Amino acid sequence: MDHAGEGEFTEPLTRTDALYFTLTVFSTVGFGDITPETHEARIVTMVQMTGDILLLGVAAHVVVGAVQSALGRRGDG
């Protein structure tokens, strides 16, 4: 859409911009009042958002594993 017509977006979008906005939506951090403006800042922010998502996934995996282990011990006893 950005390349098809002028005025579709408030600024030209690059692949980095598109990936940044996609990660922002999926990580549910929102678009907020303070946003990175340069490509470098957006890349650093994307790395942080990706790391946060991975950290949450690992934490959920640990909790689920602990619950399954506890339920397994409870069923054996």
PDB file of N, CA and C in Angstrom:
ATOM      1  N   MET A   1       0.822  -1.195   0.000  1.00  0.00           N
ATOM      2  CA  MET A   1       0.000   0.000   0.000  1.00  0.00           C
ATOM      3  C   MET A   1       0.865   1.257   0.000  1.00  0.00           C
ATOM      4  N   ASP A   2       1.993   1.200   0.730  1.00  0.00           N
ATOM      5  CA  ASP A   2       2.842   2.377   0.828  1.00  0.00           C
ATOM      6  C   ASP A   2       3.421   2.750  -0.530  1.00  0.00           C
ATOM      7  N   HIS A   3       3.801   1.734  -1.313  1.00  0.00           N
ATOM      8  CA  HIS A   3       4.389   2.007  -2.620  1.00  0.00           C
ATOM      9  C   HIS A   3       3.326   2.331  -3.673  1.00  0.00           C
ATOM     10  N   ALA A   4       2.106   1.886  -3.472  1.00  0.00           N
ATOM     11  CA  ALA A   4       1.055   2.072  -4.467  1.00  0.00           C
ATOM     12  C   ALA A   4       0.531   3.501  -4.515  1.00  0.00           C
ATOM     13  N   GLY A   5       0.454   4.138  -3.370  1.00  0.00           N
ATOM     14  CA  GLY A   5      -0.112   5.482  -3.374  1.00  0.00           C
ATOM     15  C   GLY A   5       0.477   6.352  -2.286  1.00  0.00           C
ATOM     16  N   GLU A   6       0.646   7.608  -2.600  1.00  0.00           N
ATOM     17  CA  GLU A   6       1.151   8.555  -1.614  1.00  0.00           C
ATOM     18  C   GLU A   6       0.076   8.858  -0.574  1.00  0.00           C
ATOM     19  N   GLY A   7       0.486   9.095   0.635  1.00  0.00           N
ATOM     20  CA  GLY A   7      -0.453   9.482   1.676  1.00  0.00           C
ATOM     21  C   GLY A   7      -1.116   8.328   2.392  1.00  0.00           C
ATOM     22  N   GLU A   8      -0.737   7.098   2.065  1.00  0.00           N
ATOM     23  CA  GLU A   8      -1.338   5.946   2.728  1.00  0.00           C
ATOM     24  C   GLU A   8      -0.859   5.840   4.185  1.00  0.00           C
ATOM     25  N   PHE A   9       0.388   6.225   4.424  1.00  0.00           N
ATOM     26  CA  PHE A   9       0.958   6.199   5.764  1.00  0.00           C
ATOM     27  C   PHE A   9       1.580   7.562   6.050  1.00  0.00           C
ATOM     28  N   THR A  10       1.837   7.843   7.319  1.00  0.00           N
ATOM     29  CA  THR A  10       2.382   9.146   7.694  1.00  0.00           C
ATOM     30  C   THR A  10       3.843   9.295   7.322  1.00  0.00           C
ATOM     31  N   GLU A  11       4.536   8.175   7.061  1.00  0.00           N
ATOM     32  CA  GLU A  11       5.941   8.221   6.658  1.00  0.00           C
ATOM     33  C   GLU A  11       6.239   7.007   5.800  1.00  0.00           C
ATOM     34  N   PRO A  12       7.297   7.078   4.996  1.00  0.00           N
ATOM     35  CA  PRO A  12       7.665   5.903   4.189  1.00  0.00           C
ATOM     36  C   PRO A  12       8.051   4.733   5.098  1.00  0.00           C
ATOM     37  N   LEU A  13       7.656   3.527   4.719  1.00  0.00           N
ATOM     38  CA  LEU A  13       7.944   2.356   5.537  1.00  0.00           C
ATOM     39  C   LEU A  13       8.980   1.478   4.860  1.00  0.00           C
ATOM     40  N   THR A  14       9.999   1.088   5.636  1.00  0.00           N
ATOM     41  CA  THR A  14      11.002   0.147   5.149  1.00  0.00           C
ATOM     42  C   THR A  14      10.681  -1.230   5.723  1.00  0.00           C
ATOM     43  N   ARG A  15      11.461  -2.224   5.361  1.00  0.00           N
ATOM     44  CA  ARG A  15      11.264  -3.568   5.921  1.00  0.00           C
ATOM     45  C   ARG A  15      11.510  -3.569   7.421  1.00  0.00           C
ATOM     46  N   THR A  16      12.501  -2.795   7.871  1.00  0.00           N
ATOM     47  CA  THR A  16      12.770  -2.687   9.311  1.00  0.00           C
ATOM     48  C   THR A  16      11.575  -2.084  10.031  1.00  0.00           C
ATOM     49  N   ASP A  17      10.993  -1.042   9.454  1.00  0.00           N
ATOM     50  CA  ASP A  17       9.815  -0.421  10.050  1.00  0.00           C
ATOM     51  C   ASP A  17       8.659  -1.409  10.141  1.00  0.00           C
ATOM     52  N   ALA A  18       8.448  -2.167   9.075  1.00  0.00           N
ATOM     53  CA  ALA A  18       7.350  -3.141   9.062  1.00  0.00           C
ATOM     54  C   ALA A  18       7.567  -4.217  10.114  1.00  0.00           C
ATOM     55  N   LEU A  19       8.798  -4.712  10.220  1.00  0.00           N
ATOM     56  CA  LEU A  19       9.095  -5.724  11.236  1.00  0.00           C
ATOM     57  C   LEU A  19       8.938  -5.151  12.633  1.00  0.00           C
ATOM     58  N   TYR A  20       9.370  -3.917  12.829  1.00  0.00           N
ATOM     59  CA  TYR A  20       9.224  -3.261  14.137  1.00  0.00           C
ATOM     60  C   TYR A  20       7.752  -3.185  14.539  1.00  0.00           C
ATOM     61  N   PHE A  21       6.914  -2.718  13.648  1.00  0.00           N
ATOM     62  CA  PHE A  21       5.500  -2.584  13.976  1.00  0.00           C
ATOM     63  C   PHE A  21       4.840  -3.947  14.195  1.00  0.00           C
ATOM     64  N   THR A  22       5.253  -4.950  13.441  1.00  0.00           N
ATOM     65  CA  THR A  22       4.721  -6.302  13.636  1.00  0.00           C
ATOM     66  C   THR A  22       5.087  -6.831  15.015  1.00  0.00           C
ATOM     67  N   LEU A  23       6.350  -6.701  15.395  1.00  0.00           N
ATOM     68  CA  LEU A  23       6.774  -7.158  16.723  1.00  0.00           C
ATOM     69  C   LEU A  23       6.098  -6.363  17.832  1.00  0.00           C
ATOM     70  N   THR A  24       5.889  -5.078  17.605  1.00  0.00           N
ATOM     71  CA  THR A  24       5.212  -4.252  18.601  1.00  0.00           C
ATOM     72  C   THR A  24       3.799  -4.760  18.854  1.00  0.00           C
ATOM     73  N   VAL A  25       3.112  -5.134  17.800  1.00  0.00           N
ATOM     74  CA  VAL A  25       1.746  -5.649  17.942  1.00  0.00           C
ATOM     75  C   VAL A  25       1.760  -7.006  18.639  1.00  0.00           C
ATOM     76  N   PHE A  26       2.624  -7.929  18.188  1.00  0.00           N
ATOM     77  CA  PHE A  26       2.645  -9.276  18.762  1.00  0.00           C
ATOM     78  C   PHE A  26       3.134  -9.292  20.203  1.00  0.00           C
ATOM     79  N   SER A  27       4.026  -8.378  20.564  1.00  0.00           N
ATOM     80  CA  SER A  27       4.516  -8.361  21.944  1.00  0.00           C
ATOM     81  C   SER A  27       3.605  -7.549  22.849  1.00  0.00           C
ATOM     82  N   THR A  28       2.609  -6.934  22.301  1.00  0.00           N
ATOM     83  CA  THR A  28       1.595  -6.135  23.007  1.00  0.00           C
ATOM     84  C   THR A  28       2.198  -5.048  23.877  1.00  0.00           C
ATOM     85  N   VAL A  29       3.325  -4.469  23.459  1.00  0.00           N
ATOM     86  CA  VAL A  29       3.888  -3.354  24.217  1.00  0.00           C
ATOM     87  C   VAL A  29       3.220  -2.042  23.850  1.00  0.00           C
ATOM     88  N   GLY A  30       2.511  -2.011  22.758  1.00  0.00           N
ATOM     89  CA  GLY A  30       1.805  -0.802  22.352  1.00  0.00           C
ATOM     90  C   GLY A  30       2.712   0.170  21.632  1.00  0.00           C
ATOM     91  N   PHE A  31       2.131   1.225  21.101  1.00  0.00           N
ATOM     92  CA  PHE A  31       2.896   2.176  20.312  1.00  0.00           C
ATOM     93  C   PHE A  31       3.330   3.388  21.118  1.00  0.00           C
ATOM     94  N   GLY A  32       2.738   3.659  22.263  1.00  0.00           N
ATOM     95  CA  GLY A  32       3.194   4.644  23.232  1.00  0.00           C
ATOM     96  C   GLY A  32       3.617   5.998  22.702  1.00  0.00           C
ATOM     97  N   ASP A  33       3.962   6.861  23.645  1.00  0.00           N
ATOM     98  CA  ASP A  33       4.392   8.212  23.314  1.00  0.00           C
ATOM     99  C   ASP A  33       5.891   8.279  23.035  1.00  0.00           C
ATOM    100  N   ILE A  34       6.646   7.333  23.595  1.00  0.00           N
ATOM    101  CA  ILE A  34       8.091   7.307  23.385  1.00  0.00           C
ATOM    102  C   ILE A  34       8.392   6.141  22.461  1.00  0.00           C
ATOM    103  N   THR A  35       8.868   6.442  21.267  1.00  0.00           N
ATOM    104  CA  THR A  35       9.123   5.399  20.287  1.00  0.00           C
ATOM    105  C   THR A  35      10.491   5.610  19.655  1.00  0.00           C
ATOM    106  N   PRO A  36      11.151   4.527  19.271  1.00  0.00           N
ATOM    107  CA  PRO A  36      12.432   4.676  18.573  1.00  0.00           C
ATOM    108  C   PRO A  36      12.207   5.226  17.169  1.00  0.00           C
ATOM    109  N   GLU A  37      13.044   6.152  16.761  1.00  0.00           N
ATOM    110  CA  GLU A  37      12.843   6.787  15.461  1.00  0.00           C
ATOM    111  C   GLU A  37      13.842   6.343  14.409  1.00  0.00           C
ATOM    112  N   THR A  38      15.049   5.949  14.817  1.00  0.00           N
ATOM    113  CA  THR A  38      16.049   5.536  13.831  1.00  0.00           C
ATOM    114  C   THR A  38      15.986   4.028  13.642  1.00  0.00           C
ATOM    115  N   HIS A  39      16.544   3.548  12.536  1.00  0.00           N
ATOM    116  CA  HIS A  39      16.563   2.108  12.274  1.00  0.00           C
ATOM    117  C   HIS A  39      17.344   1.372  13.350  1.00  0.00           C
ATOM    118  N   GLU A  40      18.450   1.944  13.790  1.00  0.00           N
ATOM    119  CA  GLU A  40      19.266   1.296  14.815  1.00  0.00           C
ATOM    120  C   GLU A  40      18.493   1.151  16.117  1.00  0.00           C
ATOM    121  N   ALA A  41      17.803   2.211  16.519  1.00  0.00           N
ATOM    122  CA  ALA A  41      17.024   2.171  17.754  1.00  0.00           C
ATOM    123  C   ALA A  41      15.879   1.175  17.645  1.00  0.00           C
ATOM    124  N   ARG A  42      15.263   1.095  16.472  1.00  0.00           N
ATOM    125  CA  ARG A  42      14.174   0.131  16.281  1.00  0.00           C
ATOM    126  C   ARG A  42      14.703  -1.296  16.314  1.00  0.00           C
ATOM    127  N   ILE A  43      15.890  -1.532  15.782  1.00  0.00           N
ATOM    128  CA  ILE A  43      16.469  -2.875  15.813  1.00  0.00           C
ATOM    129  C   ILE A  43      16.762  -3.287  17.248  1.00  0.00           C
ATOM    130  N   VAL A  44      17.346  -2.369  18.034  1.00  0.00           N
ATOM    131  CA  VAL A  44      17.619  -2.670  19.449  1.00  0.00           C
ATOM    132  C   VAL A  44      16.308  -2.949  20.188  1.00  0.00           C
ATOM    133  N   THR A  45      15.284  -2.165  19.911  1.00  0.00           N
ATOM    134  CA  THR A  45      13.985  -2.365  20.550  1.00  0.00           C
ATOM    135  C   THR A  45      13.377  -3.702  20.135  1.00  0.00           C
ATOM    136  N   MET A  46      13.529  -4.086  18.867  1.00  0.00           N
ATOM    137  CA  MET A  46      13.011  -5.378  18.407  1.00  0.00           C
ATOM    138  C   MET A  46      13.734  -6.531  19.091  1.00  0.00           C
ATOM    139  N   VAL A  47      15.038  -6.398  19.278  1.00  0.00           N
ATOM    140  CA  VAL A  47      15.791  -7.439  19.989  1.00  0.00           C
ATOM    141  C   VAL A  47      15.275  -7.566  21.418  1.00  0.00           C
ATOM    142  N   GLN A  48      15.028  -6.436  22.061  1.00  0.00           N
ATOM    143  CA  GLN A  48      14.517  -6.464  23.428  1.00  0.00           C
ATOM    144  C   GLN A  48      13.119  -7.094  23.479  1.00  0.00           C
ATOM    145  N   MET A  49      12.240  -6.727  22.558  1.00  0.00           N
ATOM    146  CA  MET A  49      10.891  -7.296  22.555  1.00  0.00           C
ATOM    147  C   MET A  49      10.938  -8.801  22.300  1.00  0.00           C
ATOM    148  N   THR A  50      11.795  -9.229  21.362  1.00  0.00           N
ATOM    149  CA  THR A  50      11.930 -10.656  21.072  1.00  0.00           C
ATOM    150  C   THR A  50      12.465 -11.399  22.289  1.00  0.00           C
ATOM    151  N   GLY A  51      13.460 -10.821  22.955  1.00  0.00           N
ATOM    152  CA  GLY A  51      14.002 -11.422  24.175  1.00  0.00           C
ATOM    153  C   GLY A  51      12.953 -11.539  25.272  1.00  0.00           C
ATOM    154  N   ASP A  52      12.130 -10.519  25.401  1.00  0.00           N
ATOM    155  CA  ASP A  52      11.060 -10.554  26.406  1.00  0.00           C
ATOM    156  C   ASP A  52      10.046 -11.656  26.105  1.00  0.00           C
ATOM    157  N   ILE A  53       9.685 -11.799  24.831  1.00  0.00           N
ATOM    158  CA  ILE A  53       8.747 -12.862  24.448  1.00  0.00           C
ATOM    159  C   ILE A  53       9.357 -14.232  24.736  1.00  0.00           C
ATOM    160  N   LEU A  54      10.639 -14.409  24.400  1.00  0.00           N
ATOM    161  CA  LEU A  54      11.311 -15.682  24.679  1.00  0.00           C
ATOM    162  C   LEU A  54      11.394 -15.947  26.174  1.00  0.00           C
ATOM    163  N   LEU A  55      11.695 -14.922  26.963  1.00  0.00           N
ATOM    164  CA  LEU A  55      11.763 -15.070  28.412  1.00  0.00           C
ATOM    165  C   LEU A  55      10.417 -15.507  28.988  1.00  0.00           C
ATOM    166  N   LEU A  56       9.351 -14.910  28.519  1.00  0.00           N
ATOM    167  CA  LEU A  56       8.017 -15.305  28.977  1.00  0.00           C
ATOM    168  C   LEU A  56       7.702 -16.743  28.573  1.00  0.00           C
ATOM    169  N   GLY A  57       8.108 -17.129  27.364  1.00  0.00           N
ATOM    170  CA  GLY A  57       7.882 -18.497  26.908  1.00  0.00           C
ATOM    171  C   GLY A  57       8.635 -19.508  27.762  1.00  0.00           C
ATOM    172  N   VAL A  58       9.890 -19.207  28.086  1.00  0.00           N
ATOM    173  CA  VAL A  58      10.684 -20.103  28.934  1.00  0.00           C
ATOM    174  C   VAL A  58      10.077 -20.189  30.330  1.00  0.00           C
ATOM    175  N   ALA A  59       9.665 -19.051  30.879  1.00  0.00           N
ATOM    176  CA  ALA A  59       9.053 -19.049  32.206  1.00  0.00           C
ATOM    177  C   ALA A  59       7.766 -19.880  32.209  1.00  0.00           C
ATOM    178  N   ALA A  60       6.948 -19.737  31.186  1.00  0.00           N
ATOM    179  CA  ALA A  60       5.720 -20.526  31.100  1.00  0.00           C
ATOM    180  C   ALA A  60       6.042 -22.004  30.974  1.00  0.00           C
ATOM    181  N   HIS A  61       7.071 -22.345  30.204  1.00  0.00           N
ATOM    182  CA  HIS A  61       7.491 -23.741  30.043  1.00  0.00           C
ATOM    183  C   HIS A  61       7.936 -24.332  31.388  1.00  0.00           C
ATOM    184  N   VAL A  62       8.684 -23.566  32.163  1.00  0.00           N
ATOM    185  CA  VAL A  62       9.145 -24.030  33.478  1.00  0.00           C
ATOM    186  C   VAL A  62       7.964 -24.257  34.414  1.00  0.00           C
ATOM    187  N   VAL A  63       7.026 -23.323  34.426  1.00  0.00           N
ATOM    188  CA  VAL A  63       5.855 -23.451  35.312  1.00  0.00           C
ATOM    189  C   VAL A  63       5.018 -24.661  34.909  1.00  0.00           C
ATOM    190  N   VAL A  64       4.756 -24.828  33.630  1.00  0.00           N
ATOM    191  CA  VAL A  64       3.965 -25.970  33.162  1.00  0.00           C
ATOM    192  C   VAL A  64       4.686 -27.276  33.486  1.00  0.00           C
ATOM    193  N   GLY A  65       6.003 -27.303  33.296  1.00  0.00           N
ATOM    194  CA  GLY A  65       6.776 -28.495  33.622  1.00  0.00           C
ATOM    195  C   GLY A  65       6.713 -28.830  35.100  1.00  0.00           C
ATOM    196  N   ALA A  66       6.780 -27.824  35.959  1.00  0.00           N
ATOM    197  CA  ALA A  66       6.701 -28.047  37.402  1.00  0.00           C
ATOM    198  C   ALA A  66       5.326 -28.584  37.797  1.00  0.00           C
ATOM    199  N   VAL A  67       4.288 -28.043  37.190  1.00  0.00           N
ATOM    200  CA  VAL A  67       2.934 -28.508  37.497  1.00  0.00           C
ATOM    201  C   VAL A  67       2.754 -29.948  37.017  1.00  0.00           C
ATOM    202  N   GLN A  68       3.226 -30.257  35.824  1.00  0.00           N
ATOM    203  CA  GLN A  68       3.110 -31.625  35.319  1.00  0.00           C
ATOM    204  C   GLN A  68       3.903 -32.601  36.187  1.00  0.00           C
ATOM    205  N   SER A  69       5.064 -32.189  36.634  1.00  0.00           N
ATOM    206  CA  SER A  69       5.888 -33.041  37.502  1.00  0.00           C
ATOM    207  C   SER A  69       5.181 -33.291  38.830  1.00  0.00           C
ATOM    208  N   ALA A  70       4.599 -32.241  39.400  1.00  0.00           N
ATOM    209  CA  ALA A  70       3.888 -32.382  40.671  1.00  0.00           C
ATOM    210  C   ALA A  70       2.666 -33.279  40.512  1.00  0.00           C
ATOM    211  N   LEU A  71       1.939 -33.124  39.408  1.00  0.00           N
ATOM    212  CA  LEU A  71       0.772 -33.964  39.181  1.00  0.00           C
ATOM    213  C   LEU A  71       1.183 -35.412  38.957  1.00  0.00           C
ATOM    214  N   GLY A  72       2.315 -35.627  38.302  1.00  0.00           N
ATOM    215  CA  GLY A  72       2.821 -36.994  38.085  1.00  0.00           C
ATOM    216  C   GLY A  72       3.191 -37.665  39.389  1.00  0.00           C
ATOM    217  N   ARG A  73       3.853 -36.934  40.268  1.00  0.00           N
ATOM    218  CA  ARG A  73       4.208 -37.503  41.586  1.00  0.00           C
ATOM    219  C   ARG A  73       2.973 -37.774  42.418  1.00  0.00           C
ATOM    220  N   ARG A  74       2.018 -36.904  42.304  1.00  0.00           N
ATOM    221  CA  ARG A  74       0.784 -37.059  43.079  1.00  0.00           C
ATOM    222  C   ARG A  74       0.006 -38.302  42.631  1.00  0.00           C
ATOM    223  N   GLY A  75       0.020 -38.576  41.324  1.00  0.00           N
ATOM    224  CA  GLY A  75      -0.692 -39.737  40.798  1.00  0.00           C
ATOM    225  C   GLY A  75      -0.002 -41.056  41.133  1.00  0.00           C
ATOM    226  N   ASP A  76       1.341 -41.014  41.310  1.00  0.00           N
ATOM    227  CA  ASP A  76       2.091 -42.239  41.626  1.00  0.00           C
ATOM    228  C   ASP A  76       1.943 -42.641  43.083  1.00  0.00           C
ATOM    229  N   GLY A  77       1.679 -41.671  43.938  1.00  0.00           N
ATOM    230  CA  GLY A  77       1.684 -41.945  45.380  1.00  0.00           C
ATOM    231  C   GLY A  77       0.425 -42.426  45.894  1.00  0.00           C
TER     232      GLY A  77
END
